[in-house]
Amino acid sequence: MSLGGDPAVDSVHATSDPQPNQAIALERRPARDGAYASFVPTTRYKHLVLILARELVSNLATPTAIADDQGTLVFYNEAAESIVGRPFSDVGEVPMDEWTATFNPRALESAEPLPADRRPARIALAERRPSHERFLITSAEGVDRELAVTAIPLFAHADELVGVMVVFWRN
């Protein structure tokens, strides 16, 4: 059902009772006269591929995270809590680059900050290909660790990227 004729808004539906595969967001809704109404809660549905990936990841013993096609962290498993230091329910959905920056990723060879364009998740999203990198992070406990990260793009169809799955390998 269209609320204002805007395709970006038409794909988002308001609801007061989110389902497990939905995320609540605040979005401007156009009023009927063309002016913008105030922010209202909306629901964005997760793609089936992300739902299935979350089910897989929640059953893995390997630390793994999932981000959607916009680069938002949408889930990480219990095994990843040992790296993150907190359960996903405490962190919630956040931009992946923002979340990754909290670990102060640094290049192995120089200990200089690792630019976003060298981070595997960003490469998998931007270039739509798997990526792997080893780098240093500061863990949740404040300890410097070497970490290897593999990011794999998730596709619904050959031309429809819906997110990435990121696997963390502790060295």
Protein backbone atom coordinates (compact mmCIF):
# COMPACT_ATOMS: atom_id res chain seq x y z
CA MET A 1 0.00 0.00 0.00
CA SER A 2 1.43 3.35 -0.98
CA LEU A 3 1.31 6.15 1.52
CA GLY A 4 2.66 8.94 -0.62
CA GLY A 5 3.83 7.61 -3.96
CA ASP A 6 7.51 7.54 -2.96
CA PRO A 7 8.99 4.13 -3.93
CA ALA A 8 11.51 4.31 -1.07
CA VAL A 9 8.69 4.74 1.40
CA ASP A 10 6.31 2.38 -0.38
CA SER A 11 8.58 -0.56 0.44
CA VAL A 12 8.43 0.24 4.16
CA HIS A 13 5.26 -0.55 6.07
CA ALA A 14 4.22 0.80 9.48
CA THR A 15 3.42 -1.67 12.21
CA SER A 16 3.31 -1.63 15.97
CA ASP A 17 4.11 -5.32 16.44
CA PRO A 18 7.45 -6.29 14.84
CA GLN A 19 8.04 -9.87 13.85
CA PRO A 20 11.42 -11.59 14.40
CA ASN A 21 12.52 -10.81 10.84
CA GLN A 22 11.78 -7.10 11.10
CA ALA A 23 13.69 -4.07 12.35
CA ILE A 24 12.10 -0.89 13.65
CA ALA A 25 13.42 2.34 12.16
CA LEU A 26 12.40 5.97 12.26
CA GLU A 27 11.57 7.43 8.89
CA ARG A 28 9.92 10.57 7.60
CA ARG A 29 6.53 9.87 6.10
CA PRO A 30 5.07 12.24 3.52
CA ALA A 31 1.77 13.79 4.51
CA ARG A 32 -1.06 13.70 2.00
CA ASP A 33 -0.54 17.34 1.00
CA GLY A 34 3.09 16.69 0.01
CA ALA A 35 4.64 18.10 3.19
CA TYR A 36 6.61 15.82 5.46
CA ALA A 37 5.07 14.47 8.63
CA SER A 38 7.04 13.84 11.79
CA PHE A 39 9.19 10.78 12.34
CA VAL A 40 7.13 7.65 12.80
CA PRO A 41 8.20 4.11 13.63
CA THR A 42 8.40 1.91 10.55
CA THR A 43 9.35 -1.67 9.92
CA ARG A 44 11.95 -2.88 7.46
CA TYR A 45 11.67 -6.54 6.61
CA LYS A 46 14.83 -8.64 6.50
CA HIS A 47 15.51 -10.55 3.31
CA LEU A 48 14.96 -14.31 3.55
CA VAL A 49 18.65 -14.91 2.80
CA LEU A 50 19.60 -12.86 5.90
CA ILE A 51 17.09 -14.78 8.02
CA LEU A 52 18.53 -18.11 6.85
CA ALA A 53 22.10 -16.85 7.33
CA ARG A 54 21.25 -15.82 10.89
CA GLU A 55 19.87 -19.29 11.58
CA LEU A 56 23.07 -20.87 10.24
CA VAL A 57 25.35 -18.45 12.13
CA SER A 58 23.50 -18.92 15.41
CA ASN A 59 24.41 -22.63 15.25
CA LEU A 60 28.11 -22.18 14.44
CA ALA A 61 30.87 -22.50 17.02
CA THR A 62 33.03 -20.12 14.96
CA PRO A 63 32.69 -16.38 15.72
CA THR A 64 30.57 -15.00 12.88
CA ALA A 65 28.58 -11.83 12.16
CA ILE A 66 26.08 -10.76 9.49
CA ALA A 67 25.61 -7.33 7.95
CA ASP A 68 22.89 -6.28 5.53
CA ASP A 69 23.39 -4.68 2.11
CA GLN A 70 23.55 -1.20 3.71
CA GLY A 71 26.49 -2.26 5.89
CA THR A 72 24.47 -2.50 9.11
CA LEU A 73 25.48 -5.19 11.56
CA VAL A 74 22.30 -7.24 11.99
CA PHE A 75 23.57 -10.17 14.08
CA TYR A 76 26.56 -11.92 15.58
CA ASN A 77 26.59 -15.30 17.30
CA GLU A 78 27.48 -16.36 20.84
CA ALA A 79 30.95 -17.43 19.71
CA ALA A 80 31.63 -13.83 18.57
CA GLU A 81 30.79 -12.57 22.07
CA SER A 82 34.28 -13.69 23.17
CA ILE A 83 35.73 -11.13 20.73
CA VAL A 84 33.10 -8.44 21.19
CA GLY A 85 32.78 -8.82 24.96
CA ARG A 86 29.00 -8.33 24.95
CA PRO A 87 26.01 -10.26 23.62
CA PHE A 88 24.37 -9.02 20.43
CA SER A 89 21.22 -8.12 22.38
CA ASP A 90 23.26 -5.46 24.24
CA VAL A 91 24.82 -4.04 21.07
CA GLY A 92 21.90 -4.19 18.62
CA GLU A 93 21.97 -3.18 14.99
CA VAL A 94 24.67 -0.61 14.23
CA PRO A 95 26.63 0.41 11.13
CA MET A 96 29.32 -2.24 10.58
CA ASP A 97 32.10 0.34 10.03
CA GLU A 98 31.20 2.07 13.30
CA TRP A 99 31.13 -1.25 15.16
CA THR A 100 34.44 -2.38 13.65
CA ALA A 101 36.11 0.93 14.53
CA THR A 102 35.48 0.27 18.25
CA PHE A 103 38.12 -2.49 18.03
CA ASN A 104 40.76 -0.12 16.62
CA PRO A 105 41.75 -2.37 13.66
CA ARG A 106 45.38 -1.88 12.65
CA ALA A 107 47.60 -3.22 9.89
CA LEU A 108 49.93 -6.05 10.96
CA GLU A 109 52.96 -4.65 9.18
CA SER A 110 52.82 -1.10 10.53
CA ALA A 111 50.22 -0.99 13.33
CA GLU A 112 48.68 1.97 11.47
CA PRO A 113 44.87 2.19 11.47
CA LEU A 114 43.39 -0.15 8.89
CA PRO A 115 41.42 1.95 6.38
CA ALA A 116 37.79 0.94 5.80
CA ASP A 117 38.56 0.04 2.16
CA ARG A 118 40.95 -2.71 3.39
CA ARG A 119 38.44 -4.24 5.80
CA PRO A 120 37.01 -7.51 4.45
CA ALA A 121 33.34 -6.71 5.15
CA ARG A 122 33.60 -3.38 3.32
CA ILE A 123 35.35 -5.07 0.36
CA ALA A 124 32.71 -7.82 0.19
CA LEU A 125 29.94 -5.20 0.15
CA ALA A 126 31.56 -2.75 -2.26
CA GLU A 127 33.15 -5.21 -4.69
CA ARG A 128 30.71 -8.10 -4.25
CA ARG A 129 33.46 -10.64 -3.77
CA PRO A 130 34.89 -12.64 -0.85
CA SER A 131 37.75 -11.01 1.04
CA HIS A 132 40.22 -12.07 3.73
CA GLU A 133 42.61 -9.99 5.82
CA ARG A 134 44.72 -10.41 8.95
CA PHE A 135 45.09 -7.43 11.26
CA LEU A 136 45.46 -6.35 14.87
CA ILE A 137 42.53 -5.37 17.06
CA THR A 138 42.12 -4.24 20.63
CA SER A 139 39.77 -6.72 22.25
CA ALA A 140 36.91 -5.82 24.56
CA GLU A 141 39.27 -6.53 27.47
CA GLY A 142 41.81 -4.03 26.11
CA VAL A 143 44.22 -6.73 24.89
CA ASP A 144 45.86 -6.42 21.46
CA ARG A 145 45.20 -9.52 19.34
CA GLU A 146 45.87 -10.70 15.84
CA LEU A 147 42.63 -11.54 14.09
CA ALA A 148 41.93 -12.94 10.64
CA VAL A 149 38.62 -12.00 9.05
CA THR A 150 36.89 -13.56 6.06
CA ALA A 151 33.86 -11.82 4.55
CA ILE A 152 31.57 -13.53 2.06
CA PRO A 153 28.88 -11.65 0.14
CA LEU A 154 25.33 -13.03 0.40
CA PHE A 155 23.22 -12.96 -2.73
CA ALA A 156 19.51 -13.64 -3.26
CA HIS A 157 20.14 -13.82 -7.01
CA ALA A 158 23.29 -13.37 -9.08
CA ASP A 159 22.72 -9.61 -9.24
CA GLU A 160 21.01 -9.03 -5.85
CA LEU A 161 23.42 -8.52 -2.96
CA VAL A 162 21.56 -8.72 0.36
CA GLY A 163 24.46 -8.63 2.83
CA VAL A 164 27.69 -10.24 4.01
CA MET A 165 28.68 -12.98 6.42
CA VAL A 166 31.88 -12.22 8.33
CA VAL A 167 33.90 -15.01 9.99
CA PHE A 168 36.51 -14.18 12.65
CA TRP A 169 39.53 -16.43 13.08
CA ARG A 170 41.61 -15.94 16.23
CA ASN A 171 45.34 -16.56 15.83
